[in-house]
Amino acid sequence: MPPESFGPQIFQHEQFLRGLAMKLTRHSEDAEDLVQETFYKAIKNQSKYQEGTNLRGWLYTILKNTFINNYRKKKNQNTYADDSENQYVLGGMMANREDEADSPYEMANIIDRIENVERTYLDAFMMYFNGYKYEEIADQMGIPLGTVKSRIFLARRKMMDQLRGIRGND
């Protein structure tokens, strides 16, 4: 399918996607963002669409997966929004004194030690930490799925080794 005809074809399904997005998000601005992200991903991945298959179903799958991924990322952030008129955003967890760095020096020391882990491991780990799936990391980094899993595992192990001994964590 020529790229210039793909855009108009997917936009024919905009009302369907908008209705589905409203059912999932229950918020008009979030629904609009979800639809726009769906169109972006569809255009970006046009080469993966097989002509002659159900375009609406393909777009539905992209929208649903995008919603699920965004939900997981928000869930992992542990942040709660108050929908009252003043719109306060509250941290999901109260800081525990034992979990905080005792001083800016100690926090800098921790960061320095973590950054001593080789970049190849740290990059994959940080993408995973930020909510990317293994498959997405593999695609972004252009490496096999098994390598992604291995790098994340090794990054954790190397960070734990680097942090051993700080604050009595032997």
N, C-alpha and C. Protein backbone atom coordinates (compact mmCIF):
# COMPACT_ATOMS: atom_id res chain seq x y z
N MET A 1 0.85 -1.17 0.00
CA MET A 1 0.00 0.00 0.00
C MET A 1 0.90 1.24 0.00
N PRO A 2 0.65 2.16 -0.90
CA PRO A 2 1.48 3.37 -0.95
C PRO A 2 1.32 4.20 0.32
N PRO A 3 2.42 4.77 0.81
CA PRO A 3 2.36 5.56 2.05
C PRO A 3 1.36 6.71 2.00
N GLU A 4 1.18 7.32 0.84
CA GLU A 4 0.28 8.47 0.75
C GLU A 4 -1.20 8.08 0.88
N SER A 5 -1.53 6.82 0.64
CA SER A 5 -2.93 6.40 0.81
C SER A 5 -3.18 5.76 2.17
N PHE A 6 -2.13 5.42 2.90
CA PHE A 6 -2.30 4.76 4.20
C PHE A 6 -2.91 5.71 5.23
N GLY A 7 -2.41 6.94 5.29
CA GLY A 7 -2.92 7.92 6.25
C GLY A 7 -4.42 8.13 6.15
N PRO A 8 -4.93 8.45 4.97
CA PRO A 8 -6.38 8.63 4.85
C PRO A 8 -7.18 7.38 5.22
N GLN A 9 -6.62 6.20 4.93
CA GLN A 9 -7.34 4.97 5.27
C GLN A 9 -7.45 4.78 6.78
N ILE A 10 -6.37 5.07 7.51
CA ILE A 10 -6.46 4.87 8.96
C ILE A 10 -7.33 5.95 9.61
N PHE A 11 -7.33 7.15 9.04
CA PHE A 11 -8.15 8.22 9.62
C PHE A 11 -9.64 7.99 9.43
N GLN A 12 -10.01 7.07 8.53
CA GLN A 12 -11.43 6.71 8.38
C GLN A 12 -11.97 6.03 9.63
N HIS A 13 -11.08 5.52 10.46
CA HIS A 13 -11.47 4.79 11.67
C HIS A 13 -11.35 5.65 12.93
N GLU A 14 -11.21 6.95 12.74
CA GLU A 14 -10.98 7.85 13.88
C GLU A 14 -12.13 7.82 14.88
N GLN A 15 -13.38 7.86 14.41
CA GLN A 15 -14.53 7.87 15.34
C GLN A 15 -14.58 6.58 16.15
N PHE A 16 -14.34 5.46 15.49
CA PHE A 16 -14.32 4.18 16.18
C PHE A 16 -13.25 4.18 17.27
N LEU A 17 -12.04 4.64 16.93
CA LEU A 17 -10.94 4.66 17.89
C LEU A 17 -11.22 5.64 19.03
N ARG A 18 -11.81 6.78 18.70
CA ARG A 18 -12.11 7.79 19.73
C ARG A 18 -13.13 7.24 20.74
N GLY A 19 -14.14 6.54 20.24
CA GLY A 19 -15.13 5.94 21.14
C GLY A 19 -14.52 4.88 22.04
N LEU A 20 -13.68 4.07 21.46
CA LEU A 20 -13.00 3.04 22.25
C LEU A 20 -12.07 3.67 23.28
N ALA A 21 -11.35 4.70 22.87
CA ALA A 21 -10.43 5.38 23.79
C ALA A 21 -11.19 6.01 24.95
N MET A 22 -12.36 6.57 24.68
CA MET A 22 -13.17 7.17 25.76
C MET A 22 -13.64 6.09 26.74
N LYS A 23 -14.00 4.93 26.23
CA LYS A 23 -14.42 3.84 27.11
C LYS A 23 -13.27 3.40 28.01
N LEU A 24 -12.06 3.37 27.45
CA LEU A 24 -10.91 2.92 28.22
C LEU A 24 -10.43 3.96 29.22
N THR A 25 -10.32 5.22 28.79
CA THR A 25 -9.71 6.25 29.64
C THR A 25 -10.72 7.00 30.49
N ARG A 26 -11.93 7.13 30.00
CA ARG A 26 -12.99 7.90 30.67
C ARG A 26 -12.61 9.36 30.90
N HIS A 27 -11.78 9.87 30.01
CA HIS A 27 -11.35 11.26 30.11
C HIS A 27 -11.04 11.74 28.69
N SER A 28 -11.67 12.83 28.26
CA SER A 28 -11.57 13.23 26.86
C SER A 28 -10.15 13.57 26.41
N GLU A 29 -9.39 14.26 27.25
CA GLU A 29 -8.01 14.61 26.86
C GLU A 29 -7.12 13.37 26.77
N ASP A 30 -7.27 12.45 27.72
CA ASP A 30 -6.50 11.21 27.67
C ASP A 30 -6.90 10.38 26.45
N ALA A 31 -8.19 10.38 26.14
CA ALA A 31 -8.66 9.64 24.96
C ALA A 31 -8.06 10.23 23.69
N GLU A 32 -8.03 11.55 23.60
CA GLU A 32 -7.45 12.22 22.43
C GLU A 32 -5.96 11.87 22.31
N ASP A 33 -5.24 11.89 23.41
CA ASP A 33 -3.83 11.53 23.40
C ASP A 33 -3.64 10.09 22.94
N LEU A 34 -4.50 9.21 23.42
CA LEU A 34 -4.40 7.80 23.07
C LEU A 34 -4.65 7.58 21.58
N VAL A 35 -5.63 8.27 21.02
CA VAL A 35 -5.92 8.16 19.58
C VAL A 35 -4.74 8.69 18.77
N GLN A 36 -4.21 9.83 19.17
CA GLN A 36 -3.08 10.41 18.44
C GLN A 36 -1.86 9.49 18.49
N GLU A 37 -1.60 8.91 19.65
CA GLU A 37 -0.48 7.98 19.78
C GLU A 37 -0.70 6.73 18.93
N THR A 38 -1.94 6.30 18.84
CA THR A 38 -2.28 5.15 17.99
C THR A 38 -2.00 5.46 16.53
N PHE A 39 -2.43 6.63 16.07
CA PHE A 39 -2.16 7.02 14.68
C PHE A 39 -0.65 7.13 14.43
N TYR A 40 0.06 7.69 15.37
CA TYR A 40 1.51 7.81 15.22
C TYR A 40 2.15 6.43 15.06
N LYS A 41 1.79 5.52 15.96
CA LYS A 41 2.37 4.18 15.91
C LYS A 41 1.96 3.44 14.63
N ALA A 42 0.73 3.64 14.19
CA ALA A 42 0.27 2.98 12.96
C ALA A 42 1.07 3.47 11.76
N ILE A 43 1.27 4.77 11.67
CA ILE A 43 2.04 5.32 10.54
C ILE A 43 3.50 4.87 10.63
N LYS A 44 4.04 4.90 11.83
CA LYS A 44 5.44 4.50 12.04
C LYS A 44 5.65 3.03 11.67
N ASN A 45 4.65 2.20 11.94
CA ASN A 45 4.77 0.76 11.71
C ASN A 45 3.95 0.30 10.51
N GLN A 46 3.73 1.18 9.57
CA GLN A 46 2.93 0.84 8.39
C GLN A 46 3.46 -0.40 7.69
N SER A 47 4.76 -0.56 7.68
CA SER A 47 5.35 -1.71 6.98
C SER A 47 4.95 -3.05 7.62
N LYS A 48 4.50 -3.02 8.87
CA LYS A 48 4.10 -4.25 9.55
C LYS A 48 2.64 -4.63 9.27
N TYR A 49 1.89 -3.68 8.70
CA TYR A 49 0.50 -3.97 8.35
C TYR A 49 0.46 -4.78 7.07
N GLN A 50 -0.29 -5.85 7.08
CA GLN A 50 -0.42 -6.71 5.90
C GLN A 50 -1.68 -6.32 5.15
N GLU A 51 -1.49 -5.80 3.95
CA GLU A 51 -2.61 -5.35 3.14
C GLU A 51 -3.59 -6.50 2.92
N GLY A 52 -4.86 -6.18 3.00
CA GLY A 52 -5.89 -7.20 2.83
C GLY A 52 -6.41 -7.74 4.15
N THR A 53 -5.71 -7.41 5.26
CA THR A 53 -6.20 -7.84 6.58
C THR A 53 -7.06 -6.73 7.16
N ASN A 54 -7.63 -6.98 8.31
CA ASN A 54 -8.56 -6.06 8.95
C ASN A 54 -7.83 -4.85 9.53
N LEU A 55 -7.89 -3.71 8.86
CA LEU A 55 -7.21 -2.49 9.30
C LEU A 55 -7.78 -2.00 10.63
N ARG A 56 -9.10 -2.06 10.77
CA ARG A 56 -9.73 -1.61 12.02
C ARG A 56 -9.25 -2.46 13.19
N GLY A 57 -9.16 -3.76 12.99
CA GLY A 57 -8.68 -4.66 14.04
C GLY A 57 -7.23 -4.38 14.39
N TRP A 58 -6.42 -4.08 13.39
CA TRP A 58 -5.01 -3.77 13.61
C TRP A 58 -4.88 -2.49 14.43
N LEU A 59 -5.68 -1.45 14.07
CA LEU A 59 -5.65 -0.19 14.81
C LEU A 59 -6.17 -0.39 16.24
N TYR A 60 -7.22 -1.22 16.37
CA TYR A 60 -7.76 -1.53 17.69
C TYR A 60 -6.68 -2.15 18.59
N THR A 61 -5.92 -3.08 18.03
CA THR A 61 -4.85 -3.74 18.78
C THR A 61 -3.78 -2.75 19.21
N ILE A 62 -3.41 -1.85 18.31
CA ILE A 62 -2.41 -0.83 18.65
C ILE A 62 -2.94 0.05 19.78
N LEU A 63 -4.18 0.50 19.68
CA LEU A 63 -4.77 1.37 20.71
C LEU A 63 -4.84 0.65 22.05
N LYS A 64 -5.31 -0.58 22.03
CA LYS A 64 -5.45 -1.35 23.28
C LYS A 64 -4.09 -1.58 23.93
N ASN A 65 -3.09 -1.98 23.14
CA ASN A 65 -1.76 -2.22 23.69
C ASN A 65 -1.12 -0.93 24.20
N THR A 66 -1.35 0.16 23.51
CA THR A 66 -0.82 1.45 23.95
C THR A 66 -1.45 1.84 25.28
N PHE A 67 -2.76 1.64 25.40
CA PHE A 67 -3.45 1.94 26.65
C PHE A 67 -2.89 1.10 27.79
N ILE A 68 -2.71 -0.19 27.55
CA ILE A 68 -2.20 -1.09 28.59
C ILE A 68 -0.79 -0.68 29.00
N ASN A 69 0.06 -0.38 28.03
CA ASN A 69 1.44 0.03 28.35
C ASN A 69 1.46 1.32 29.14
N ASN A 70 0.64 2.29 28.74
CA ASN A 70 0.58 3.56 29.47
C ASN A 70 0.05 3.34 30.89
N TYR A 71 -0.94 2.46 31.03
CA TYR A 71 -1.49 2.15 32.34
C TYR A 71 -0.41 1.55 33.24
N ARG A 72 0.35 0.61 32.69
CA ARG A 72 1.42 -0.02 33.48
C ARG A 72 2.47 0.99 33.91
N LYS A 73 2.83 1.90 33.00
CA LYS A 73 3.83 2.92 33.34
C LYS A 73 3.32 3.82 34.46
N LYS A 74 2.05 4.24 34.35
CA LYS A 74 1.48 5.11 35.39
C LYS A 74 1.37 4.36 36.71
N LYS A 75 0.99 3.10 36.64
CA LYS A 75 0.85 2.29 37.85
C LYS A 75 2.19 2.16 38.56
N ASN A 76 3.26 2.00 37.79
CA ASN A 76 4.59 1.85 38.36
C ASN A 76 5.13 3.15 38.94
N GLN A 77 4.54 4.27 38.58
CA GLN A 77 5.01 5.55 39.10
C GLN A 77 4.55 5.80 40.53
N ASN A 78 3.54 5.06 41.00
CA ASN A 78 3.01 5.24 42.35
C ASN A 78 2.62 6.68 42.64
N THR A 79 1.97 7.33 41.70
CA THR A 79 1.51 8.69 41.89
C THR A 79 -0.01 8.69 41.76
N TYR A 80 -0.65 9.40 42.68
CA TYR A 80 -2.10 9.44 42.67
C TYR A 80 -2.55 10.88 42.44
N ALA A 81 -3.56 11.05 41.60
CA ALA A 81 -4.08 12.38 41.31
C ALA A 81 -5.41 12.54 42.02
N ASP A 82 -5.60 13.70 42.61
CA ASP A 82 -6.85 14.05 43.25
C ASP A 82 -7.68 14.80 42.21
N ASP A 83 -8.85 14.26 41.86
CA ASP A 83 -9.66 14.88 40.82
C ASP A 83 -10.54 16.01 41.36
N SER A 84 -10.24 16.52 42.54
CA SER A 84 -11.00 17.64 43.06
C SER A 84 -10.69 18.88 42.24
N GLU A 85 -11.38 19.95 42.52
CA GLU A 85 -11.22 21.17 41.73
C GLU A 85 -9.80 21.71 41.76
N ASN A 86 -9.07 21.51 42.84
CA ASN A 86 -7.72 22.07 42.96
C ASN A 86 -6.64 21.19 42.32
N GLN A 87 -6.96 19.96 41.95
CA GLN A 87 -6.04 19.07 41.25
C GLN A 87 -4.69 18.91 41.95
N TYR A 88 -4.69 18.41 43.14
CA TYR A 88 -3.44 18.14 43.84
C TYR A 88 -2.86 16.82 43.37
N VAL A 89 -1.57 16.76 43.23
CA VAL A 89 -0.91 15.50 42.90
C VAL A 89 -0.09 15.10 44.11
N LEU A 90 -0.32 13.90 44.57
CA LEU A 90 0.32 13.43 45.79
C LEU A 90 1.28 12.31 45.46
N GLY A 91 2.41 12.28 46.16
CA GLY A 91 3.34 11.16 46.01
C GLY A 91 2.68 9.91 46.56
N GLY A 92 2.84 8.82 45.86
CA GLY A 92 2.16 7.59 46.24
C GLY A 92 2.69 6.96 47.51
N MET A 93 3.94 7.22 47.83
CA MET A 93 4.51 6.57 49.00
C MET A 93 5.24 7.62 49.83
N MET A 94 5.04 7.54 51.11
CA MET A 94 5.77 8.44 52.00
C MET A 94 7.22 7.96 52.08
N ALA A 95 8.11 8.90 52.07
CA ALA A 95 9.53 8.53 52.13
C ALA A 95 9.84 7.94 53.51
N ASN A 96 10.56 6.89 53.50
CA ASN A 96 11.00 6.26 54.72
C ASN A 96 12.42 6.73 54.97
N ARG A 97 12.71 7.18 56.15
CA ARG A 97 14.02 7.75 56.46
C ARG A 97 15.15 6.76 56.15
N GLU A 98 14.89 5.48 56.34
CA GLU A 98 15.92 4.48 56.05
C GLU A 98 16.21 4.38 54.56
N ASP A 99 15.23 4.76 53.71
CA ASP A 99 15.41 4.67 52.26
C ASP A 99 16.04 5.91 51.67
N GLU A 100 16.13 6.98 52.42
CA GLU A 100 16.68 8.23 51.91
C GLU A 100 18.18 8.26 52.09
N ALA A 101 18.85 9.02 51.22
CA ALA A 101 20.28 9.25 51.41
C ALA A 101 20.42 10.21 52.58
N ASP A 102 21.44 10.00 53.41
CA ASP A 102 21.63 10.86 54.57
C ASP A 102 22.12 12.25 54.20
N SER A 103 22.73 12.37 53.06
CA SER A 103 23.26 13.67 52.66
C SER A 103 23.38 13.71 51.15
N PRO A 104 23.50 14.91 50.60
CA PRO A 104 23.73 14.99 49.16
C PRO A 104 24.99 14.22 48.74
N TYR A 105 26.00 14.20 49.62
CA TYR A 105 27.22 13.45 49.30
C TYR A 105 26.92 11.97 49.14
N GLU A 106 26.13 11.41 50.07
CA GLU A 106 25.85 9.98 50.00
C GLU A 106 25.03 9.65 48.74
N MET A 107 24.08 10.50 48.41
CA MET A 107 23.29 10.28 47.20
C MET A 107 24.20 10.34 45.98
N ALA A 108 25.10 11.29 45.93
CA ALA A 108 26.04 11.41 44.81
C ALA A 108 26.93 10.17 44.75
N ASN A 109 27.34 9.66 45.89
CA ASN A 109 28.16 8.45 45.96
C ASN A 109 27.40 7.25 45.39
N ILE A 110 26.13 7.14 45.74
CA ILE A 110 25.30 6.04 45.23
C ILE A 110 25.18 6.13 43.72
N ILE A 111 24.88 7.31 43.22
CA ILE A 111 24.73 7.51 41.77
C ILE A 111 26.04 7.20 41.05
N ASP A 112 27.16 7.68 41.61
CA ASP A 112 28.47 7.40 41.00
C ASP A 112 28.72 5.90 40.91
N ARG A 113 28.38 5.18 41.96
CA ARG A 113 28.62 3.73 41.97
C ARG A 113 27.74 3.02 40.93
N ILE A 114 26.49 3.45 40.83
CA ILE A 114 25.59 2.84 39.84
C ILE A 114 26.09 3.15 38.43
N GLU A 115 26.57 4.36 38.22
CA GLU A 115 27.05 4.74 36.89
C GLU A 115 28.35 4.03 36.52
N ASN A 116 28.98 3.34 37.46
CA ASN A 116 30.18 2.54 37.15
C ASN A 116 29.82 1.26 36.40
N VAL A 117 28.55 0.90 36.41
CA VAL A 117 28.11 -0.28 35.66
C VAL A 117 28.23 0.04 34.17
N GLU A 118 28.69 -0.92 33.40
CA GLU A 118 28.90 -0.69 31.97
C GLU A 118 27.64 -0.18 31.30
N ARG A 119 27.82 0.74 30.39
CA ARG A 119 26.72 1.42 29.71
C ARG A 119 25.78 0.45 29.00
N THR A 120 26.32 -0.59 28.39
CA THR A 120 25.46 -1.52 27.65
C THR A 120 24.43 -2.17 28.57
N TYR A 121 24.83 -2.48 29.79
CA TYR A 121 23.90 -3.08 30.75
C TYR A 121 22.95 -2.02 31.30
N LEU A 122 23.50 -0.88 31.63
CA LEU A 122 22.71 0.18 32.26
C LEU A 122 21.63 0.72 31.33
N ASP A 123 21.93 0.86 30.03
CA ASP A 123 20.94 1.38 29.08
C ASP A 123 19.72 0.46 29.01
N ALA A 124 19.95 -0.83 28.89
CA ALA A 124 18.84 -1.79 28.84
C ALA A 124 18.06 -1.77 30.14
N PHE A 125 18.76 -1.73 31.27
CA PHE A 125 18.09 -1.72 32.57
C PHE A 125 17.23 -0.46 32.73
N MET A 126 17.76 0.70 32.35
CA MET A 126 17.01 1.95 32.52
C MET A 126 15.76 1.98 31.64
N MET A 127 15.84 1.41 30.45
CA MET A 127 14.65 1.34 29.61
C MET A 127 13.60 0.45 30.27
N TYR A 128 14.04 -0.69 30.82
CA TYR A 128 13.12 -1.58 31.53
C TYR A 128 12.54 -0.89 32.76
N PHE A 129 13.38 -0.20 33.49
CA PHE A 129 12.96 0.53 34.69
C PHE A 129 11.92 1.59 34.34
N ASN A 130 12.03 2.19 33.17
CA ASN A 130 11.10 3.23 32.73
C ASN A 130 9.85 2.68 32.07
N GLY A 131 9.65 1.36 32.13
CA GLY A 131 8.38 0.78 31.71
C GLY A 131 8.36 0.13 30.34
N TYR A 132 9.49 0.07 29.66
CA TYR A 132 9.51 -0.59 28.36
C TYR A 132 9.46 -2.10 28.54
N LYS A 133 8.82 -2.78 27.60
CA LYS A 133 8.80 -4.24 27.61
C LYS A 133 10.10 -4.75 27.00
N TYR A 134 10.43 -6.00 27.28
CA TYR A 134 11.64 -6.60 26.73
C TYR A 134 11.68 -6.46 25.20
N GLU A 135 10.54 -6.76 24.55
CA GLU A 135 10.49 -6.71 23.09
C GLU A 135 10.75 -5.30 22.58
N GLU A 136 10.20 -4.29 23.26
CA GLU A 136 10.42 -2.90 22.85
C GLU A 136 11.89 -2.52 23.00
N ILE A 137 12.50 -2.98 24.05
CA ILE A 137 13.93 -2.68 24.27
C ILE A 137 14.76 -3.33 23.17
N ALA A 138 14.43 -4.58 22.85
CA ALA A 138 15.16 -5.29 21.80
C ALA A 138 15.05 -4.55 20.47
N ASP A 139 13.83 -4.09 20.15
CA ASP A 139 13.62 -3.34 18.91
C ASP A 139 14.40 -2.04 18.91
N GLN A 140 14.31 -1.30 20.02
CA GLN A 140 14.98 0.01 20.11
C GLN A 140 16.50 -0.14 20.03
N MET A 141 17.04 -1.15 20.69
CA MET A 141 18.49 -1.32 20.74
C MET A 141 19.03 -2.16 19.59
N GLY A 142 18.13 -2.82 18.86
CA GLY A 142 18.55 -3.65 17.74
C GLY A 142 19.33 -4.89 18.16
N ILE A 143 18.90 -5.50 19.28
CA ILE A 143 19.58 -6.69 19.79
C ILE A 143 18.54 -7.78 20.04
N PRO A 144 18.97 -9.05 20.13
CA PRO A 144 18.02 -10.14 20.39
C PRO A 144 17.38 -10.03 21.78
N LEU A 145 16.18 -10.61 21.89
CA LEU A 145 15.42 -10.59 23.14
C LEU A 145 16.20 -11.22 24.29
N GLY A 146 16.88 -12.31 24.05
CA GLY A 146 17.67 -12.98 25.09
C GLY A 146 18.79 -12.10 25.60
N THR A 147 19.37 -11.31 24.72
CA THR A 147 20.44 -10.39 25.12
C THR A 147 19.89 -9.30 26.03
N VAL A 148 18.68 -8.83 25.73
CA VAL A 148 18.04 -7.81 26.58
C VAL A 148 17.84 -8.37 27.99
N LYS A 149 17.28 -9.56 28.08
CA LYS A 149 17.03 -10.17 29.39
C LYS A 149 18.33 -10.37 30.15
N SER A 150 19.34 -10.82 29.45
CA SER A 150 20.64 -11.05 30.07
C SER A 150 21.24 -9.74 30.58
N ARG A 151 21.16 -8.69 29.77
CA ARG A 151 21.74 -7.40 30.17
C ARG A 151 21.03 -6.82 31.39
N ILE A 152 19.72 -6.95 31.43
CA ILE A 152 18.96 -6.43 32.58
C ILE A 152 19.33 -7.21 33.84
N PHE A 153 19.40 -8.52 33.72
CA PHE A 153 19.79 -9.35 34.86
C PHE A 153 21.18 -8.97 35.34
N LEU A 154 22.12 -8.85 34.41
CA LEU A 154 23.50 -8.53 34.79
C LEU A 154 23.60 -7.11 35.34
N ALA A 155 22.80 -6.18 34.83
CA ALA A 155 22.81 -4.81 35.36
C ALA A 155 22.38 -4.81 36.82
N ARG A 156 21.33 -5.56 37.13
CA ARG A 156 20.88 -5.65 38.52
C ARG A 156 21.99 -6.20 39.42
N ARG A 157 22.59 -7.29 38.95
CA ARG A 157 23.64 -7.92 39.74
C ARG A 157 24.82 -6.97 39.94
N LYS A 158 25.24 -6.29 38.89
CA LYS A 158 26.38 -5.38 38.97
C LYS A 158 26.06 -4.17 39.86
N MET A 159 24.82 -3.67 39.79
CA MET A 159 24.44 -2.55 40.67
C MET A 159 24.44 -2.99 42.12
N MET A 160 23.95 -4.18 42.37
CA MET A 160 23.95 -4.68 43.75
C MET A 160 25.38 -4.82 44.25
N ASP A 161 26.27 -5.31 43.40
CA ASP A 161 27.68 -5.42 43.78
C ASP A 161 28.28 -4.04 44.07
N GLN A 162 27.94 -3.07 43.23
CA GLN A 162 28.47 -1.71 43.41
C GLN A 162 27.97 -1.08 44.71
N LEU A 163 26.74 -1.40 45.09
CA LEU A 163 26.13 -0.77 46.26
C LEU A 163 26.38 -1.55 47.55
N ARG A 164 26.99 -2.70 47.43
CA ARG A 164 27.29 -3.51 48.62
C ARG A 164 28.17 -2.71 49.57
N GLY A 165 27.81 -2.69 50.81
CA GLY A 165 28.62 -1.99 51.80
C GLY A 165 28.11 -0.60 52.12
N ILE A 166 27.27 -0.04 51.28
CA ILE A 166 26.72 1.29 51.59
C ILE A 166 25.62 1.12 52.63
N ARG A 167 25.70 1.89 53.69
CA ARG A 167 24.71 1.91 54.77
C ARG A 167 24.53 0.53 55.39
N GLY A 168 25.57 -0.24 55.46
CA GLY A 168 25.52 -1.52 56.14
C GLY A 168 24.82 -2.61 55.37
N ASN A 169 24.62 -2.45 54.06
CA ASN A 169 23.95 -3.46 53.23
C ASN A 169 24.97 -4.44 52.69
N ASP A 170 25.49 -5.32 53.49
CA ASP A 170 26.48 -6.29 53.02
C ASP A 170 25.86 -7.53 52.48
